Amino acid sequence: MADILVFGAHPDDAEFGMGASLVKFVRRGASVAVCVLTRGEAGTFGTAEQREGEMRAAAEKLGGEIEILSFQDCRIFDTYEARVRLAEVVRKFRPKIVFAPYHTNPSYHKDGGAHPDHTATGTIVRSALRYARFSGLKDVKGEPWNAGHLIYYMVPRSRTPNLVNDVSEYMAEWEAIARCHESQMSLRDGKVLDALRRFRETAGVLLGVAYAEGFFIEEPVVFDLEHFLSTSSQPGGVPVATKGAV
């Protein structure tokens, strides 16, 4: 079981896409599991064996569980069988919150977030959560489970995140975990971490903090008066949590 279950198509997706938030969740006491669909064997850098070792090292440094599936890199498609397999993972870990790459990304072909495996994974996860709770769907192994929330990371450039998490305190630890994916440090001419850091700086602007990670949630969010009363605004209207607020 895990409080939080994160799906990623490739070995580095979770750490590169929302890794600082994962550090924050674990350090604040939440249990986290990361489910990786492929070993990234079609990528330019690193073998399947190397990348599996890297993701296991990242999970160990994070302090979370890892589940590695046997989908093929660049061949992830939304099929009934794929939905059933991910529904079984959901039933196994019984999470309260599920994260997945956003299911739609109209960006250009060099945008890493728009990789077809990413969007397909998000689409499959959305259906898999439904399958996981259907007690009459006998093809899905395990006891039915109704996850509380589905939240998307890898938010496309065309959308503004509607959930933003301040991760300024956890950036150094995030970078150490991200560097476990040693084979991928050659991406972007060796400047992949610089690019990922800039993304977090941009999201931080939304909160008026140094670094943040942005997410998108499609479900209705319950209005919590106490939460909104626990925030104040600094000049410019940026909400700031008061002492004790998460």
C-alpha atoms as a PDB file:
ATOM      1  CA  MET A   1       0.000   0.000   0.000  1.00  0.00           C
ATOM      2  CA  ALA A   2       1.052   3.602  -0.553  1.00  0.00           C
ATOM      3  CA  ASP A   3      -0.504   6.994   0.124  1.00  0.00           C
ATOM      4  CA  ILE A   4       0.669   8.262  -3.254  1.00  0.00           C
ATOM      5  CA  LEU A   5       1.121   6.342  -6.514  1.00  0.00           C
ATOM      6  CA  VAL A   6       2.948   7.988  -9.420  1.00  0.00           C
ATOM      7  CA  PHE A   7       2.850   6.581 -12.950  1.00  0.00           C
ATOM      8  CA  GLY A   8       5.593   7.317 -15.456  1.00  0.00           C
ATOM      9  CA  ALA A   9       6.196   6.002 -18.945  1.00  0.00           C
ATOM     10  CA  HIS A  10       9.994   6.073 -18.662  1.00  0.00           C
ATOM     11  CA  PRO A  11      12.560   5.562 -15.889  1.00  0.00           C
ATOM     12  CA  ASP A  12      13.155   9.288 -15.272  1.00  0.00           C
ATOM     13  CA  ASP A  13       9.641  10.689 -15.757  1.00  0.00           C
ATOM     14  CA  ALA A  14       8.614  10.909 -12.114  1.00  0.00           C
ATOM     15  CA  GLU A  15      11.921  12.358 -10.890  1.00  0.00           C
ATOM     16  CA  PHE A  16      12.302  14.835 -13.757  1.00  0.00           C
ATOM     17  CA  GLY A  17       8.602  15.753 -13.851  1.00  0.00           C
ATOM     18  CA  MET A  18       7.718  16.081 -10.152  1.00  0.00           C
ATOM     19  CA  GLY A  19      10.707  14.809  -8.219  1.00  0.00           C
ATOM     20  CA  ALA A  20      11.012  17.674  -5.747  1.00  0.00           C
ATOM     21  CA  SER A  21       7.373  17.205  -4.753  1.00  0.00           C
ATOM     22  CA  LEU A  22       8.037  13.505  -4.213  1.00  0.00           C
ATOM     23  CA  VAL A  23      10.882  14.399  -1.869  1.00  0.00           C
ATOM     24  CA  LYS A  24       8.592  16.800  -0.023  1.00  0.00           C
ATOM     25  CA  PHE A  25       5.823  14.197   0.280  1.00  0.00           C
ATOM     26  CA  VAL A  26       8.149  11.505   1.629  1.00  0.00           C
ATOM     27  CA  ARG A  27       9.991  13.806   4.022  1.00  0.00           C
ATOM     28  CA  ARG A  28       6.644  14.912   5.422  1.00  0.00           C
ATOM     29  CA  GLY A  29       5.630  11.344   6.153  1.00  0.00           C
ATOM     30  CA  ALA A  30       3.663  10.164   3.111  1.00  0.00           C
ATOM     31  CA  SER A  31       4.397   6.761   1.584  1.00  0.00           C
ATOM     32  CA  VAL A  32       5.123   6.909  -2.152  1.00  0.00           C
ATOM     33  CA  ALA A  33       5.268   4.284  -4.891  1.00  0.00           C
ATOM     34  CA  VAL A  34       6.445   4.950  -8.445  1.00  0.00           C
ATOM     35  CA  CYS A  35       5.208   2.709 -11.268  1.00  0.00           C
ATOM     36  CA  VAL A  36       7.362   2.850 -14.412  1.00  0.00           C
ATOM     37  CA  LEU A  37       5.863   1.322 -17.547  1.00  0.00           C
ATOM     38  CA  THR A  38       9.066   0.830 -19.609  1.00  0.00           C
ATOM     39  CA  ARG A  39      12.827   0.688 -19.197  1.00  0.00           C
ATOM     40  CA  GLY A  40      13.363   3.466 -21.719  1.00  0.00           C
ATOM     41  CA  GLU A  41      15.072   1.107 -24.135  1.00  0.00           C
ATOM     42  CA  ALA A  42      14.259   3.211 -27.220  1.00  0.00           C
ATOM     43  CA  GLY A  43      15.966   6.318 -25.876  1.00  0.00           C
ATOM     44  CA  THR A  44      19.152   7.798 -27.278  1.00  0.00           C
ATOM     45  CA  PHE A  45      21.150   7.410 -24.085  1.00  0.00           C
ATOM     46  CA  GLY A  46      21.501   4.361 -21.838  1.00  0.00           C
ATOM     47  CA  THR A  47      20.569   0.693 -22.159  1.00  0.00           C
ATOM     48  CA  ALA A  48      17.469  -0.872 -20.628  1.00  0.00           C
ATOM     49  CA  GLU A  49      19.622  -2.556 -17.971  1.00  0.00           C
ATOM     50  CA  GLN A  50      21.427   0.671 -17.120  1.00  0.00           C
ATOM     51  CA  ARG A  51      18.241   2.663 -16.880  1.00  0.00           C
ATOM     52  CA  GLU A  52      16.580   0.077 -14.662  1.00  0.00           C
ATOM     53  CA  GLY A  53      19.530   0.327 -12.297  1.00  0.00           C
ATOM     54  CA  GLU A  54      19.266   4.114 -12.323  1.00  0.00           C
ATOM     55  CA  MET A  55      15.581   4.159 -11.462  1.00  0.00           C
ATOM     56  CA  ARG A  56      16.082   1.679  -8.657  1.00  0.00           C
ATOM     57  CA  ALA A  57      18.861   3.870  -7.258  1.00  0.00           C
ATOM     58  CA  ALA A  58      16.599   6.937  -7.466  1.00  0.00           C
ATOM     59  CA  ALA A  59      13.782   5.116  -5.631  1.00  0.00           C
ATOM     60  CA  GLU A  60      16.178   4.023  -2.909  1.00  0.00           C
ATOM     61  CA  LYS A  61      17.510   7.554  -2.434  1.00  0.00           C
ATOM     62  CA  LEU A  62      13.951   8.918  -2.351  1.00  0.00           C
ATOM     63  CA  GLY A  63      12.757   6.300   0.094  1.00  0.00           C
ATOM     64  CA  GLY A  64       9.847   5.086  -2.018  1.00  0.00           C
ATOM     65  CA  GLU A  65       8.721   1.817  -3.571  1.00  0.00           C
ATOM     66  CA  ILE A  66       9.079   1.072  -7.261  1.00  0.00           C
ATOM     67  CA  GLU A  67       7.047  -1.101  -9.616  1.00  0.00           C
ATOM     68  CA  ILE A  68       8.507  -1.778 -13.071  1.00  0.00           C
ATOM     69  CA  LEU A  69       6.182  -3.040 -15.791  1.00  0.00           C
ATOM     70  CA  SER A  70       6.959  -4.602 -19.176  1.00  0.00           C
ATOM     71  CA  PHE A  71       5.478  -2.167 -21.677  1.00  0.00           C
ATOM     72  CA  GLN A  72       7.713  -1.343 -24.657  1.00  0.00           C
ATOM     73  CA  ASP A  73       9.224   2.101 -25.014  1.00  0.00           C
ATOM     74  CA  CYS A  74       7.489   4.094 -27.786  1.00  0.00           C
ATOM     75  CA  ARG A  75       4.761   1.436 -27.949  1.00  0.00           C
ATOM     76  CA  ILE A  76       2.457   2.512 -25.137  1.00  0.00           C
ATOM     77  CA  PHE A  77      -1.109   2.641 -26.405  1.00  0.00           C
ATOM     78  CA  ASP A  78      -4.495   3.024 -24.768  1.00  0.00           C
ATOM     79  CA  THR A  79      -5.853  -0.530 -25.012  1.00  0.00           C
ATOM     80  CA  TYR A  80      -8.141  -2.577 -22.835  1.00  0.00           C
ATOM     81  CA  GLU A  81      -5.206  -4.741 -21.762  1.00  0.00           C
ATOM     82  CA  ALA A  82      -3.147  -1.678 -20.783  1.00  0.00           C
ATOM     83  CA  ARG A  83      -6.018  -0.286 -18.711  1.00  0.00           C
ATOM     84  CA  VAL A  84      -6.442  -3.609 -16.934  1.00  0.00           C
ATOM     85  CA  ARG A  85      -2.709  -3.846 -16.145  1.00  0.00           C
ATOM     86  CA  LEU A  86      -2.552  -0.373 -14.616  1.00  0.00           C
ATOM     87  CA  ALA A  87      -5.801  -0.985 -12.741  1.00  0.00           C
ATOM     88  CA  GLU A  88      -4.098  -3.981 -11.136  1.00  0.00           C
ATOM     89  CA  VAL A  89      -1.245  -1.739  -9.998  1.00  0.00           C
ATOM     90  CA  VAL A  90      -3.777   0.648  -8.461  1.00  0.00           C
ATOM     91  CA  ARG A  91      -5.444  -2.236  -6.649  1.00  0.00           C
ATOM     92  CA  LYS A  92      -2.073  -3.453  -5.410  1.00  0.00           C
ATOM     93  CA  PHE A  93      -0.967  -0.142  -3.881  1.00  0.00           C
ATOM     94  CA  ARG A  94      -4.434   1.208  -2.941  1.00  0.00           C
ATOM     95  CA  PRO A  95      -3.348   4.865  -3.087  1.00  0.00           C
ATOM     96  CA  LYS A  96      -5.233   7.899  -1.872  1.00  0.00           C
ATOM     97  CA  ILE A  97      -3.690  10.080  -4.598  1.00  0.00           C
ATOM     98  CA  VAL A  98      -2.553   9.087  -8.087  1.00  0.00           C
ATOM     99  CA  PHE A  99      -0.267  11.192 -10.307  1.00  0.00           C
ATOM    100  CA  ALA A 100       0.180  10.707 -14.053  1.00  0.00           C
ATOM    101  CA  PRO A 101       1.503  12.709 -17.016  1.00  0.00           C
ATOM    102  CA  TYR A 102      -1.166  14.976 -18.484  1.00  0.00           C
ATOM    103  CA  HIS A 103      -3.143  13.104 -21.115  1.00  0.00           C
ATOM    104  CA  THR A 104      -3.124  15.765 -23.871  1.00  0.00           C
ATOM    105  CA  ASN A 105      -0.226  17.834 -25.158  1.00  0.00           C
ATOM    106  CA  PRO A 106      -0.467  19.699 -28.489  1.00  0.00           C
ATOM    107  CA  SER A 107       3.092  21.012 -28.278  1.00  0.00           C
ATOM    108  CA  TYR A 108       5.757  20.573 -30.942  1.00  0.00           C
ATOM    109  CA  HIS A 109       7.776  17.418 -31.609  1.00  0.00           C
ATOM    110  CA  LYS A 110      10.879  18.441 -29.625  1.00  0.00           C
ATOM    111  CA  ASP A 111       8.963  19.127 -26.424  1.00  0.00           C
ATOM    112  CA  GLY A 112       9.828  16.233 -24.100  1.00  0.00           C
ATOM    113  CA  GLY A 113       6.546  16.544 -22.259  1.00  0.00           C
ATOM    114  CA  ALA A 114       4.667  15.842 -25.489  1.00  0.00           C
ATOM    115  CA  HIS A 115       6.220  12.392 -25.993  1.00  0.00           C
ATOM    116  CA  PRO A 116       3.350  10.117 -27.132  1.00  0.00           C
ATOM    117  CA  ASP A 117       4.202   7.630 -24.353  1.00  0.00           C
ATOM    118  CA  HIS A 118       3.563  10.366 -21.774  1.00  0.00           C
ATOM    119  CA  THR A 119       0.147  11.355 -23.060  1.00  0.00           C
ATOM    120  CA  ALA A 120      -0.841   7.717 -23.610  1.00  0.00           C
ATOM    121  CA  THR A 121       0.121   6.898 -20.019  1.00  0.00           C
ATOM    122  CA  GLY A 122      -2.075   9.701 -18.705  1.00  0.00           C
ATOM    123  CA  THR A 123      -5.000   8.511 -20.809  1.00  0.00           C
ATOM    124  CA  ILE A 124      -4.587   4.907 -19.672  1.00  0.00           C
ATOM    125  CA  VAL A 125      -4.309   5.887 -16.010  1.00  0.00           C
ATOM    126  CA  ARG A 126      -7.531   7.893 -16.168  1.00  0.00           C
ATOM    127  CA  SER A 127      -9.420   4.831 -17.416  1.00  0.00           C
ATOM    128  CA  ALA A 128      -7.512   2.438 -15.137  1.00  0.00           C
ATOM    129  CA  LEU A 129      -8.717   4.269 -12.026  1.00  0.00           C
ATOM    130  CA  ARG A 130     -12.266   3.630 -13.156  1.00  0.00           C
ATOM    131  CA  TYR A 131     -11.532  -0.022 -13.907  1.00  0.00           C
ATOM    132  CA  ALA A 132      -9.870  -0.461 -10.514  1.00  0.00           C
ATOM    133  CA  ARG A 133     -13.086   0.323  -8.670  1.00  0.00           C
ATOM    134  CA  PHE A 134     -15.427  -1.900 -10.714  1.00  0.00           C
ATOM    135  CA  SER A 135     -16.042  -5.039  -8.667  1.00  0.00           C
ATOM    136  CA  GLY A 136     -17.717  -6.726 -11.625  1.00  0.00           C
ATOM    137  CA  LEU A 137     -14.664  -6.401 -13.884  1.00  0.00           C
ATOM    138  CA  LYS A 138     -13.204  -9.857 -13.315  1.00  0.00           C
ATOM    139  CA  ASP A 139     -10.256  -9.382 -15.685  1.00  0.00           C
ATOM    140  CA  VAL A 140      -8.658  -7.065 -13.122  1.00  0.00           C
ATOM    141  CA  LYS A 141      -6.839  -8.976 -10.380  1.00  0.00           C
ATOM    142  CA  GLY A 142      -7.061  -7.787  -6.803  1.00  0.00           C
ATOM    143  CA  GLU A 143      -9.678  -6.236  -4.600  1.00  0.00           C
ATOM    144  CA  PRO A 144     -11.506  -3.151  -5.964  1.00  0.00           C
ATOM    145  CA  TRP A 145     -10.090   0.218  -4.968  1.00  0.00           C
ATOM    146  CA  ASN A 146     -11.434   3.735  -5.444  1.00  0.00           C
ATOM    147  CA  ALA A 147      -8.513   6.184  -5.457  1.00  0.00           C
ATOM    148  CA  GLY A 148      -9.424   9.564  -4.018  1.00  0.00           C
ATOM    149  CA  HIS A 149      -7.760  11.904  -6.514  1.00  0.00           C
ATOM    150  CA  LEU A 150      -6.028  11.952  -9.890  1.00  0.00           C
ATOM    151  CA  ILE A 151      -3.536  14.781 -10.381  1.00  0.00           C
ATOM    152  CA  TYR A 152      -1.510  15.372 -13.529  1.00  0.00           C
ATOM    153  CA  TYR A 153       2.112  16.427 -13.868  1.00  0.00           C
ATOM    154  CA  MET A 154       3.960  17.328 -17.103  1.00  0.00           C
ATOM    155  CA  VAL A 155       1.398  20.082 -17.584  1.00  0.00           C
ATOM    156  CA  PRO A 156       1.616  21.246 -21.220  1.00  0.00           C
ATOM    157  CA  ARG A 157       2.801  24.738 -22.066  1.00  0.00           C
ATOM    158  CA  SER A 158      -0.694  25.565 -23.323  1.00  0.00           C
ATOM    159  CA  ARG A 159      -2.154  25.182 -19.809  1.00  0.00           C
ATOM    160  CA  THR A 160      -1.515  27.047 -16.591  1.00  0.00           C
ATOM    161  CA  PRO A 161      -1.129  24.739 -13.583  1.00  0.00           C
ATOM    162  CA  ASN A 162      -4.037  24.987 -11.160  1.00  0.00           C
ATOM    163  CA  LEU A 163      -2.137  23.319  -8.318  1.00  0.00           C
ATOM    164  CA  VAL A 164       1.327  24.629  -7.473  1.00  0.00           C
ATOM    165  CA  ASN A 165       3.639  23.135  -4.864  1.00  0.00           C
ATOM    166  CA  ASP A 166       6.466  25.141  -3.262  1.00  0.00           C
ATOM    167  CA  VAL A 167       9.549  22.907  -3.424  1.00  0.00           C
ATOM    168  CA  SER A 168      12.248  25.503  -2.745  1.00  0.00           C
ATOM    169  CA  GLU A 169      13.421  23.684   0.372  1.00  0.00           C
ATOM    170  CA  TYR A 170      13.869  20.386  -1.447  1.00  0.00           C
ATOM    171  CA  MET A 171      15.747  21.358  -4.608  1.00  0.00           C
ATOM    172  CA  ALA A 172      19.194  20.145  -3.521  1.00  0.00           C
ATOM    173  CA  GLU A 173      17.821  16.742  -2.581  1.00  0.00           C
ATOM    174  CA  TRP A 174      15.801  16.615  -5.797  1.00  0.00           C
ATOM    175  CA  GLU A 175      18.913  17.236  -7.867  1.00  0.00           C
ATOM    176  CA  ALA A 176      20.803  14.449  -6.089  1.00  0.00           C
ATOM    177  CA  ILE A 177      17.969  12.039  -6.880  1.00  0.00           C
ATOM    178  CA  ALA A 178      17.647  13.244 -10.475  1.00  0.00           C
ATOM    179  CA  ARG A 179      21.370  12.657 -10.971  1.00  0.00           C
ATOM    180  CA  CYS A 180      20.793   8.970 -10.271  1.00  0.00           C
ATOM    181  CA  HIS A 181      19.621   8.910 -13.905  1.00  0.00           C
ATOM    182  CA  GLU A 182      23.224   9.309 -14.961  1.00  0.00           C
ATOM    183  CA  SER A 183      22.691   8.167 -18.546  1.00  0.00           C
ATOM    184  CA  GLN A 184      20.196  10.991 -19.108  1.00  0.00           C
ATOM    185  CA  MET A 185      22.525  13.772 -17.991  1.00  0.00           C
ATOM    186  CA  SER A 186      23.622  14.047 -21.636  1.00  0.00           C
ATOM    187  CA  LEU A 187      20.188  15.313 -22.680  1.00  0.00           C
ATOM    188  CA  ARG A 188      19.945  18.915 -23.903  1.00  0.00           C
ATOM    189  CA  ASP A 189      23.678  18.982 -24.577  1.00  0.00           C
ATOM    190  CA  GLY A 190      24.362  18.072 -20.973  1.00  0.00           C
ATOM    191  CA  LYS A 191      22.187  20.868 -19.587  1.00  0.00           C
ATOM    192  CA  VAL A 192      19.038  18.908 -18.764  1.00  0.00           C
ATOM    193  CA  LEU A 193      19.096  19.788 -15.069  1.00  0.00           C
ATOM    194  CA  ASP A 194      19.481  23.474 -15.896  1.00  0.00           C
ATOM    195  CA  ALA A 195      16.365  23.265 -18.042  1.00  0.00           C
ATOM    196  CA  LEU A 196      14.408  21.403 -15.379  1.00  0.00           C
ATOM    197  CA  ARG A 197      15.477  23.961 -12.795  1.00  0.00           C
ATOM    198  CA  ARG A 198      14.212  26.799 -15.020  1.00  0.00           C
ATOM    199  CA  PHE A 199      10.820  25.097 -15.319  1.00  0.00           C
ATOM    200  CA  ARG A 200      10.614  25.103 -11.533  1.00  0.00           C
ATOM    201  CA  GLU A 201      11.673  28.740 -11.362  1.00  0.00           C
ATOM    202  CA  THR A 202       8.846  29.619 -13.754  1.00  0.00           C
ATOM    203  CA  ALA A 203       6.315  27.740 -11.633  1.00  0.00           C
ATOM    204  CA  GLY A 204       7.737  29.456  -8.559  1.00  0.00           C
ATOM    205  CA  VAL A 205       6.754  32.817 -10.008  1.00  0.00           C
ATOM    206  CA  LEU A 206       3.110  31.761  -9.707  1.00  0.00           C
ATOM    207  CA  LEU A 207       3.548  31.513  -5.933  1.00  0.00           C
ATOM    208  CA  GLY A 208       6.177  34.164  -5.394  1.00  0.00           C
ATOM    209  CA  VAL A 209       8.742  31.564  -4.269  1.00  0.00           C
ATOM    210  CA  ALA A 210      12.100  30.445  -5.633  1.00  0.00           C
ATOM    211  CA  TYR A 211      11.025  27.046  -6.991  1.00  0.00           C
ATOM    212  CA  ALA A 212       7.738  25.210  -7.433  1.00  0.00           C
ATOM    213  CA  GLU A 213       6.250  22.326  -9.378  1.00  0.00           C
ATOM    214  CA  GLY A 214       2.990  22.761 -11.237  1.00  0.00           C
ATOM    215  CA  PHE A 215       0.148  20.282 -11.552  1.00  0.00           C
ATOM    216  CA  PHE A 216      -3.303  20.121 -13.100  1.00  0.00           C
ATOM    217  CA  ILE A 217      -6.408  18.621 -11.546  1.00  0.00           C
ATOM    218  CA  GLU A 218      -9.631  18.143 -13.511  1.00  0.00           C
ATOM    219  CA  GLU A 219     -11.960  17.035 -10.732  1.00  0.00           C
ATOM    220  CA  PRO A 220     -14.002  19.522  -8.683  1.00  0.00           C
ATOM    221  CA  VAL A 221     -12.076  20.795  -5.673  1.00  0.00           C
ATOM    222  CA  VAL A 222     -14.009  21.077  -2.432  1.00  0.00           C
ATOM    223  CA  PHE A 223     -14.115  24.632  -1.108  1.00  0.00           C
ATOM    224  CA  ASP A 224     -12.370  24.662   2.256  1.00  0.00           C
ATOM    225  CA  LEU A 225     -12.969  27.968   4.028  1.00  0.00           C
ATOM    226  CA  GLU A 226     -10.344  27.274   6.687  1.00  0.00           C
ATOM    227  CA  HIS A 227      -7.727  26.745   3.999  1.00  0.00           C
ATOM    228  CA  PHE A 228      -8.469  30.052   2.325  1.00  0.00           C
ATOM    229  CA  LEU A 229      -8.624  31.882   5.630  1.00  0.00           C
ATOM    230  CA  SER A 230      -5.206  30.438   6.499  1.00  0.00           C
ATOM    231  CA  THR A 231      -3.607  32.378   3.647  1.00  0.00           C
ATOM    232  CA  SER A 232      -2.838  36.035   3.361  1.00  0.00           C
ATOM    233  CA  SER A 233      -1.619  38.077   0.404  1.00  0.00           C
ATOM    234  CA  GLN A 234       1.672  39.806  -0.049  1.00  0.00           C
ATOM    235  CA  PRO A 235       1.952  42.885  -2.296  1.00  0.00           C
ATOM    236  CA  GLY A 236       0.893  41.931  -5.775  1.00  0.00           C
ATOM    237  CA  GLY A 237      -1.828  39.588  -4.562  1.00  0.00           C
ATOM    238  CA  VAL A 238       0.298  36.443  -4.255  1.00  0.00           C
ATOM    239  CA  PRO A 239      -1.242  34.166  -1.589  1.00  0.00           C
ATOM    240  CA  VAL A 240       1.106  33.203   1.237  1.00  0.00           C
ATOM    241  CA  ALA A 241       0.316  30.393   3.669  1.00  0.00           C
ATOM    242  CA  THR A 242       0.386  31.461   7.294  1.00  0.00           C
ATOM    243  CA  LYS A 243       2.456  29.600   9.855  1.00  0.00           C
ATOM    244  CA  GLY A 244       1.325  26.010  10.245  1.00  0.00           C
ATOM    245  CA  ALA A 245      -0.393  25.798   6.869  1.00  0.00           C
ATOM    246  CA  VAL A 246       0.734  23.129   4.421  1.00  0.00           C
END
